[in-house]
PDB file of all heavy atoms in Angstrom:
ATOM      1  N   PRO A   1     158.530 161.640 130.690  1.00  0.00           N
ATOM      2  CA  PRO A   1     158.583 161.148 129.380  1.00  0.00           C
ATOM      3  C   PRO A   1     157.170 161.054 128.624  1.00  0.00           C
ATOM      4  O   PRO A   1     156.198 161.144 129.362  1.00  0.00           O
ATOM      5  CB  PRO A   1     159.103 159.787 129.416  1.00  0.00           C
ATOM      6  CG  PRO A   1     158.419 159.308 130.747  1.00  0.00           C
ATOM      7  CD  PRO A   1     158.485 160.554 131.699  1.00  0.00           C
ATOM      8  N   PRO A   2     157.068 160.877 127.419  1.00  0.00           N
ATOM      9  CA  PRO A   2     155.780 160.582 126.821  1.00  0.00           C
ATOM     10  C   PRO A   2     155.206 159.349 127.241  1.00  0.00           C
ATOM     11  O   PRO A   2     155.976 158.365 127.672  1.00  0.00           O
ATOM     12  CB  PRO A   2     156.052 160.483 125.206  1.00  0.00           C
ATOM     13  CG  PRO A   2     157.459 161.045 125.137  1.00  0.00           C
ATOM     14  CD  PRO A   2     158.171 160.927 126.320  1.00  0.00           C
ATOM     15  N   VAL A   3     153.864 159.301 127.320  1.00  0.00           N
ATOM     16  CA  VAL A   3     153.197 158.018 127.687  1.00  0.00           C
ATOM     17  C   VAL A   3     152.790 157.208 126.536  1.00  0.00           C
ATOM     18  O   VAL A   3     152.239 156.059 126.618  1.00  0.00           O
ATOM     19  CB  VAL A   3     151.952 158.201 128.703  1.00  0.00           C
ATOM     20  CG1 VAL A   3     152.635 158.838 129.991  1.00  0.00           C
ATOM     21  CG2 VAL A   3     150.897 159.040 128.007  1.00  0.00           C
ATOM     22  N   ILE A   4     153.075 157.694 125.295  1.00  0.00           N
ATOM     23  CA  ILE A   4     152.744 156.945 124.081  1.00  0.00           C
ATOM     24  C   ILE A   4     154.059 156.706 123.453  1.00  0.00           C
ATOM     25  O   ILE A   4     154.917 157.630 123.325  1.00  0.00           O
ATOM     26  CB  ILE A   4     151.784 157.717 123.146  1.00  0.00           C
ATOM     27  CG1 ILE A   4     150.526 157.971 123.789  1.00  0.00           C
ATOM     28  CG2 ILE A   4     151.711 157.137 121.689  1.00  0.00           C
ATOM     29  CD1 ILE A   4     149.603 158.942 122.857  1.00  0.00           C
ATOM     30  N   VAL A   5     154.385 155.419 123.091  1.00  0.00           N
ATOM     31  CA  VAL A   5     155.636 155.081 122.456  1.00  0.00           C
ATOM     32  C   VAL A   5     155.428 154.323 121.188  1.00  0.00           C
ATOM     33  O   VAL A   5     154.338 153.782 120.978  1.00  0.00           O
ATOM     34  CB  VAL A   5     156.602 154.230 123.500  1.00  0.00           C
ATOM     35  CG1 VAL A   5     156.947 155.000 124.665  1.00  0.00           C
ATOM     36  CG2 VAL A   5     155.728 153.003 123.853  1.00  0.00           C
ATOM     37  N   ASN A   6     156.447 154.159 120.408  1.00  0.00           N
ATOM     38  CA  ASN A   6     156.404 153.500 119.198  1.00  0.00           C
ATOM     39  C   ASN A   6     156.722 152.001 119.323  1.00  0.00           C
ATOM     40  O   ASN A   6     157.182 151.578 120.364  1.00  0.00           O
ATOM     41  CB  ASN A   6     157.194 154.025 118.000  1.00  0.00           C
ATOM     42  CG  ASN A   6     158.606 154.221 118.378  1.00  0.00           C
ATOM     43  OD1 ASN A   6     159.285 153.355 118.982  1.00  0.00           O
ATOM     44  ND2 ASN A   6     159.263 155.283 117.872  1.00  0.00           N
ATOM     45  N   ARG A   7     156.521 151.223 118.321  1.00  0.00           N
ATOM     46  CA  ARG A   7     156.733 149.750 118.332  1.00  0.00           C
ATOM     47  C   ARG A   7     158.217 149.488 118.691  1.00  0.00           C
ATOM     48  O   ARG A   7     158.614 148.550 119.400  1.00  0.00           O
ATOM     49  CB  ARG A   7     156.338 149.067 117.122  1.00  0.00           C
ATOM     50  CG  ARG A   7     156.387 147.543 117.154  1.00  0.00           C
ATOM     51  CD  ARG A   7     155.678 147.050 115.855  1.00  0.00           C
ATOM     52  NE  ARG A   7     155.727 145.537 116.009  1.00  0.00           N
ATOM     53  CZ  ARG A   7     154.677 144.878 116.618  1.00  0.00           C
ATOM     54  NH1 ARG A   7     153.555 145.527 116.966  1.00  0.00           N
ATOM     55  NH2 ARG A   7     154.676 143.490 116.758  1.00  0.00           N
ATOM     56  N   GLU A   8     159.171 150.177 118.061  1.00  0.00           N
ATOM     57  CA  GLU A   8     160.517 150.010 118.245  1.00  0.00           C
ATOM     58  C   GLU A   8     160.901 150.132 119.715  1.00  0.00           C
ATOM     59  O   GLU A   8     161.704 149.324 120.153  1.00  0.00           O
ATOM     60  CB  GLU A   8     161.346 150.959 117.471  1.00  0.00           C
ATOM     61  CG  GLU A   8     161.350 150.824 115.956  1.00  0.00           C
ATOM     62  CD  GLU A   8     159.992 151.200 115.325  1.00  0.00           C
ATOM     63  OE1 GLU A   8     159.245 152.003 115.919  1.00  0.00           O
ATOM     64  OE2 GLU A   8     159.619 150.803 114.076  1.00  0.00           O
ATOM     65  N   SER A   9     160.319 151.045 120.545  1.00  0.00           N
ATOM     66  CA  SER A   9     160.602 151.172 121.845  1.00  0.00           C
ATOM     67  C   SER A   9     160.269 149.940 122.678  1.00  0.00           C
ATOM     68  O   SER A   9     160.860 149.509 123.455  1.00  0.00           O
ATOM     69  CB  SER A   9     159.953 152.443 122.403  1.00  0.00           C
ATOM     70  OG  SER A   9     160.587 153.647 121.897  1.00  0.00           O
ATOM     71  N   LEU A  10     159.006 149.564 122.478  1.00  0.00           N
ATOM     72  CA  LEU A  10     158.527 148.328 123.109  1.00  0.00           C
ATOM     73  C   LEU A  10     159.309 147.140 122.756  1.00  0.00           C
ATOM     74  O   LEU A  10     159.504 146.115 123.606  1.00  0.00           O
ATOM     75  CB  LEU A  10     157.114 148.102 122.835  1.00  0.00           C
ATOM     76  CG  LEU A  10     156.098 149.135 123.517  1.00  0.00           C
ATOM     77  CD1 LEU A  10     154.804 149.293 122.815  1.00  0.00           C
ATOM     78  CD2 LEU A  10     155.897 148.793 125.025  1.00  0.00           C
ATOM     79  N   THR A  11     159.853 147.011 121.532  1.00  0.00           N
ATOM     80  CA  THR A  11     160.666 145.871 121.132  1.00  0.00           C
ATOM     81  C   THR A  11     161.999 145.970 121.883  1.00  0.00           C
ATOM     82  O   THR A  11     162.505 144.834 122.294  1.00  0.00           O
ATOM     83  CB  THR A  11     160.802 145.857 119.623  1.00  0.00           C
ATOM     84  OG1 THR A  11     159.669 145.738 118.903  1.00  0.00           O
ATOM     85  CG2 THR A  11     161.792 144.710 119.139  1.00  0.00           C
ATOM     86  N   GLY A  12     162.551 147.230 121.984  1.00  0.00           N
ATOM     87  CA  GLY A  12     163.832 147.354 122.766  1.00  0.00           C
ATOM     88  C   GLY A  12     163.865 146.918 124.147  1.00  0.00           C
ATOM     89  O   GLY A  12     164.841 146.312 124.545  1.00  0.00           O
ATOM     90  N   THR A  13     162.827 147.087 124.774  1.00  0.00           N
ATOM     91  CA  THR A  13     162.714 146.636 126.104  1.00  0.00           C
ATOM     92  C   THR A  13     162.057 145.319 126.488  1.00  0.00           C
ATOM     93  O   THR A  13     162.035 144.755 127.556  1.00  0.00           O
ATOM     94  CB  THR A  13     161.911 147.671 127.027  1.00  0.00           C
ATOM     95  OG1 THR A  13     160.632 148.055 126.384  1.00  0.00           O
ATOM     96  CG2 THR A  13     162.637 148.899 127.257  1.00  0.00           C
ATOM     97  N   GLY A  14     161.613 144.584 125.400  1.00  0.00           N
ATOM     98  CA  GLY A  14     161.178 143.272 125.382  1.00  0.00           C
ATOM     99  C   GLY A  14     159.670 143.039 125.652  1.00  0.00           C
ATOM    100  O   GLY A  14     159.218 141.763 125.569  1.00  0.00           O
ATOM    101  N   GLN A  15     158.871 144.048 125.610  1.00  0.00           N
ATOM    102  CA  GLN A  15     157.367 144.005 125.678  1.00  0.00           C
ATOM    103  C   GLN A  15     156.858 143.280 124.321  1.00  0.00           C
ATOM    104  O   GLN A  15     155.897 142.586 124.333  1.00  0.00           O
ATOM    105  CB  GLN A  15     156.654 145.100 125.989  1.00  0.00           C
ATOM    106  CG  GLN A  15     156.683 145.584 127.465  1.00  0.00           C
ATOM    107  CD  GLN A  15     158.033 146.098 127.924  1.00  0.00           C
ATOM    108  OE1 GLN A  15     158.827 146.639 127.110  1.00  0.00           O
ATOM    109  NE2 GLN A  15     158.173 146.288 129.198  1.00  0.00           N
ATOM    110  N   LEU A  16     157.509 143.713 123.170  1.00  0.00           N
ATOM    111  CA  LEU A  16     157.099 143.194 121.876  1.00  0.00           C
ATOM    112  C   LEU A  16     158.280 142.296 121.341  1.00  0.00           C
ATOM    113  O   LEU A  16     159.429 142.638 121.642  1.00  0.00           O
ATOM    114  CB  LEU A  16     156.769 144.392 120.923  1.00  0.00           C
ATOM    115  CG  LEU A  16     155.568 145.179 121.145  1.00  0.00           C
ATOM    116  CD1 LEU A  16     155.383 146.249 120.274  1.00  0.00           C
ATOM    117  CD2 LEU A  16     154.339 144.150 121.038  1.00  0.00           C
ATOM    118  N   PRO A  17     157.839 141.339 120.615  1.00  0.00           N
ATOM    119  CA  PRO A  17     156.477 140.977 120.151  1.00  0.00           C
ATOM    120  C   PRO A  17     155.775 139.982 121.151  1.00  0.00           C
ATOM    121  O   PRO A  17     154.524 139.729 120.931  1.00  0.00           O
ATOM    122  CB  PRO A  17     156.727 140.150 118.954  1.00  0.00           C
ATOM    123  CG  PRO A  17     158.024 139.467 119.118  1.00  0.00           C
ATOM    124  CD  PRO A  17     158.856 140.491 119.987  1.00  0.00           C
ATOM    125  N   LYS A  18     156.337 139.590 122.190  1.00  0.00           N
ATOM    126  CA  LYS A  18     155.793 138.557 123.115  1.00  0.00           C
ATOM    127  C   LYS A  18     154.475 138.888 123.771  1.00  0.00           C
ATOM    128  O   LYS A  18     153.519 138.099 123.876  1.00  0.00           O
ATOM    129  CB  LYS A  18     156.843 138.020 124.095  1.00  0.00           C
ATOM    130  CG  LYS A  18     156.273 136.889 124.919  1.00  0.00           C
ATOM    131  CD  LYS A  18     157.350 136.368 125.882  1.00  0.00           C
ATOM    132  CE  LYS A  18     156.896 135.261 126.811  1.00  0.00           C
ATOM    133  NZ  LYS A  18     156.384 134.002 126.018  1.00  0.00           N
ATOM    134  N   PHE A  19     154.481 140.108 124.230  1.00  0.00           N
ATOM    135  CA  PHE A  19     153.299 140.620 125.114  1.00  0.00           C
ATOM    136  C   PHE A  19     152.365 141.513 124.482  1.00  0.00           C
ATOM    137  O   PHE A  19     151.760 142.519 125.156  1.00  0.00           O
ATOM    138  CB  PHE A  19     153.939 141.188 126.417  1.00  0.00           C
ATOM    139  CG  PHE A  19     154.773 140.215 127.145  1.00  0.00           C
ATOM    140  CD1 PHE A  19     156.136 140.341 127.107  1.00  0.00           C
ATOM    141  CD2 PHE A  19     154.235 139.068 127.840  1.00  0.00           C
ATOM    142  CE1 PHE A  19     157.003 139.606 127.950  1.00  0.00           C
ATOM    143  CE2 PHE A  19     154.969 138.175 128.593  1.00  0.00           C
ATOM    144  CZ  PHE A  19     156.350 138.387 128.577  1.00  0.00           C
ATOM    145  N   GLU A  20     152.224 141.426 123.156  1.00  0.00           N
ATOM    146  CA  GLU A  20     151.294 142.443 122.442  1.00  0.00           C
ATOM    147  C   GLU A  20     149.891 142.497 122.963  1.00  0.00           C
ATOM    148  O   GLU A  20     149.278 143.446 123.017  1.00  0.00           O
ATOM    149  CB  GLU A  20     151.308 142.130 120.963  1.00  0.00           C
ATOM    150  CG  GLU A  20     150.633 143.077 120.053  1.00  0.00           C
ATOM    151  CD  GLU A  20     151.230 143.499 118.791  1.00  0.00           C
ATOM    152  OE1 GLU A  20     152.130 142.746 118.347  1.00  0.00           O
ATOM    153  OE2 GLU A  20     150.807 144.475 118.271  1.00  0.00           O
ATOM    154  N   GLU A  21     149.420 141.329 123.354  1.00  0.00           N
ATOM    155  CA  GLU A  21     147.963 141.250 123.838  1.00  0.00           C
ATOM    156  C   GLU A  21     147.761 141.991 125.121  1.00  0.00           C
ATOM    157  O   GLU A  21     146.661 142.241 125.544  1.00  0.00           O
ATOM    158  CB  GLU A  21     147.482 139.765 123.856  1.00  0.00           C
ATOM    159  CG  GLU A  21     148.063 138.989 124.985  1.00  0.00           C
ATOM    160  CD  GLU A  21     147.468 137.611 125.192  1.00  0.00           C
ATOM    161  OE1 GLU A  21     146.639 137.263 124.417  1.00  0.00           O
ATOM    162  OE2 GLU A  21     147.937 136.924 126.104  1.00  0.00           O
ATOM    163  N   ASP A  22     148.871 142.200 125.884  1.00  0.00           N
ATOM    164  CA  ASP A  22     148.742 142.878 127.174  1.00  0.00           C
ATOM    165  C   ASP A  22     148.877 144.401 127.040  1.00  0.00           C
ATOM    166  O   ASP A  22     148.715 145.186 128.106  1.00  0.00           O
ATOM    167  CB  ASP A  22     149.862 142.398 128.077  1.00  0.00           C
ATOM    168  CG  ASP A  22     149.639 141.017 128.592  1.00  0.00           C
ATOM    169  OD1 ASP A  22     148.475 140.586 128.753  1.00  0.00           O
ATOM    170  OD2 ASP A  22     150.599 140.261 128.690  1.00  0.00           O
ATOM    171  N   LEU A  23     149.014 144.882 125.688  1.00  0.00           N
ATOM    172  CA  LEU A  23     149.290 146.353 125.489  1.00  0.00           C
ATOM    173  C   LEU A  23     148.006 147.013 124.954  1.00  0.00           C
ATOM    174  O   LEU A  23     147.246 146.362 124.304  1.00  0.00           O
ATOM    175  CB  LEU A  23     150.482 146.541 124.544  1.00  0.00           C
ATOM    176  CG  LEU A  23     151.892 145.920 125.118  1.00  0.00           C
ATOM    177  CD1 LEU A  23     152.796 146.065 123.856  1.00  0.00           C
ATOM    178  CD2 LEU A  23     152.307 146.813 126.300  1.00  0.00           C
ATOM    179  N   PHE A  24     147.818 148.246 125.153  1.00  0.00           N
ATOM    180  CA  PHE A  24     146.829 149.021 124.446  1.00  0.00           C
ATOM    181  C   PHE A  24     147.533 149.743 123.196  1.00  0.00           C
ATOM    182  O   PHE A  24     148.353 150.556 123.278  1.00  0.00           O
ATOM    183  CB  PHE A  24     146.335 150.111 125.353  1.00  0.00           C
ATOM    184  CG  PHE A  24     145.295 149.645 126.416  1.00  0.00           C
ATOM    185  CD1 PHE A  24     145.705 149.458 127.729  1.00  0.00           C
ATOM    186  CD2 PHE A  24     144.005 149.240 126.006  1.00  0.00           C
ATOM    187  CE1 PHE A  24     144.787 149.027 128.586  1.00  0.00           C
ATOM    188  CE2 PHE A  24     143.158 148.720 127.001  1.00  0.00           C
ATOM    189  CZ  PHE A  24     143.424 148.735 128.296  1.00  0.00           C
ATOM    190  N   HIS A  25     146.970 149.235 122.086  1.00  0.00           N
ATOM    191  CA  HIS A  25     147.619 149.636 120.770  1.00  0.00           C
ATOM    192  C   HIS A  25     146.680 150.733 120.297  1.00  0.00           C
ATOM    193  O   HIS A  25     145.330 150.598 120.277  1.00  0.00           O
ATOM    194  CB  HIS A  25     147.692 148.483 119.864  1.00  0.00           C
ATOM    195  CG  HIS A  25     148.211 148.981 118.467  1.00  0.00           C
ATOM    196  ND1 HIS A  25     147.640 148.314 117.313  1.00  0.00           N
ATOM    197  CD2 HIS A  25     149.095 149.850 118.120  1.00  0.00           C
ATOM    198  CE1 HIS A  25     148.281 148.899 116.246  1.00  0.00           C
ATOM    199  NE2 HIS A  25     149.112 149.794 116.642  1.00  0.00           N
ATOM    200  N   ILE A  26     147.119 151.845 119.801  1.00  0.00           N
ATOM    201  CA  ILE A  26     146.287 152.921 119.176  1.00  0.00           C
ATOM    202  C   ILE A  26     146.081 152.494 117.746  1.00  0.00           C
ATOM    203  O   ILE A  26     147.008 152.509 116.892  1.00  0.00           O
ATOM    204  CB  ILE A  26     147.047 154.273 119.244  1.00  0.00           C
ATOM    205  CG1 ILE A  26     147.288 154.631 120.740  1.00  0.00           C
ATOM    206  CG2 ILE A  26     146.063 155.343 118.623  1.00  0.00           C
ATOM    207  CD1 ILE A  26     147.988 155.884 121.002  1.00  0.00           C
ATOM    208  N   THR A  27     144.757 152.252 117.374  1.00  0.00           N
ATOM    209  CA  THR A  27     144.404 151.755 116.057  1.00  0.00           C
ATOM    210  C   THR A  27     145.010 152.583 114.897  1.00  0.00           C
ATOM    211  O   THR A  27     144.986 153.823 114.911  1.00  0.00           O
ATOM    212  CB  THR A  27     142.898 151.623 116.081  1.00  0.00           C
ATOM    213  OG1 THR A  27     142.424 150.911 117.040  1.00  0.00           O
ATOM    214  CG2 THR A  27     142.446 150.953 114.697  1.00  0.00           C
ATOM    215  N   ASN A  28     145.413 151.817 113.874  1.00  0.00           N
ATOM    216  CA  ASN A  28     145.926 152.476 112.671  1.00  0.00           C
ATOM    217  C   ASN A  28     147.224 153.363 112.816  1.00  0.00           C
ATOM    218  O   ASN A  28     147.380 154.274 112.064  1.00  0.00           O
ATOM    219  CB  ASN A  28     144.836 153.317 112.019  1.00  0.00           C
ATOM    220  CG  ASN A  28     143.579 152.489 111.559  1.00  0.00           C
ATOM    221  OD1 ASN A  28     143.736 151.277 111.139  1.00  0.00           O
ATOM    222  ND2 ASN A  28     142.423 153.004 111.729  1.00  0.00           N
ATOM    223  N   THR A  29     147.930 153.086 113.923  1.00  0.00           N
ATOM    224  CA  THR A  29     149.121 153.784 114.190  1.00  0.00           C
ATOM    225  C   THR A  29     150.215 152.806 114.644  1.00  0.00           C
ATOM    226  O   THR A  29     149.960 151.570 114.804  1.00  0.00           O
ATOM    227  CB  THR A  29     149.034 154.849 115.249  1.00  0.00           C
ATOM    228  OG1 THR A  29     148.957 154.203 116.576  1.00  0.00           O
ATOM    229  CG2 THR A  29     147.844 155.641 115.130  1.00  0.00           C
ATOM    230  N   ASN A  30     151.404 153.417 114.642  1.00  0.00           N
ATOM    231  CA  ASN A  30     152.641 152.585 115.253  1.00  0.00           C
ATOM    232  C   ASN A  30     152.866 152.740 116.666  1.00  0.00           C
ATOM    233  O   ASN A  30     153.818 152.508 117.281  1.00  0.00           O
ATOM    234  CB  ASN A  30     153.900 152.960 114.470  1.00  0.00           C
ATOM    235  CG  ASN A  30     155.107 152.033 114.787  1.00  0.00           C
ATOM    236  OD1 ASN A  30     154.958 150.944 114.908  1.00  0.00           O
ATOM    237  ND2 ASN A  30     156.230 152.727 114.880  1.00  0.00           N
ATOM    238  N   TYR A  31     151.731 153.355 117.379  1.00  0.00           N
ATOM    239  CA  TYR A  31     151.782 153.883 118.747  1.00  0.00           C
ATOM    240  C   TYR A  31     151.014 152.945 119.676  1.00  0.00           C
ATOM    241  O   TYR A  31     150.104 152.237 119.358  1.00  0.00           O
ATOM    242  CB  TYR A  31     151.239 155.237 118.876  1.00  0.00           C
ATOM    243  CG  TYR A  31     151.884 156.324 118.049  1.00  0.00           C
ATOM    244  CD1 TYR A  31     151.254 157.421 117.729  1.00  0.00           C
ATOM    245  CD2 TYR A  31     153.375 156.274 117.827  1.00  0.00           C
ATOM    246  CE1 TYR A  31     151.957 158.468 116.954  1.00  0.00           C
ATOM    247  CE2 TYR A  31     154.023 157.241 117.178  1.00  0.00           C
ATOM    248  CZ  TYR A  31     153.289 158.295 116.688  1.00  0.00           C
ATOM    249  OH  TYR A  31     153.948 159.319 116.025  1.00  0.00           O
TER     250      TYR A  31
END
């Protein structure tokens, strides 16, 4: 699979919104 995912995917599995600080967010994107 891709190793870059969107916010909806992370919300679906439960990482977001609770664990946002543990993730690497690509600046100025939804990725």
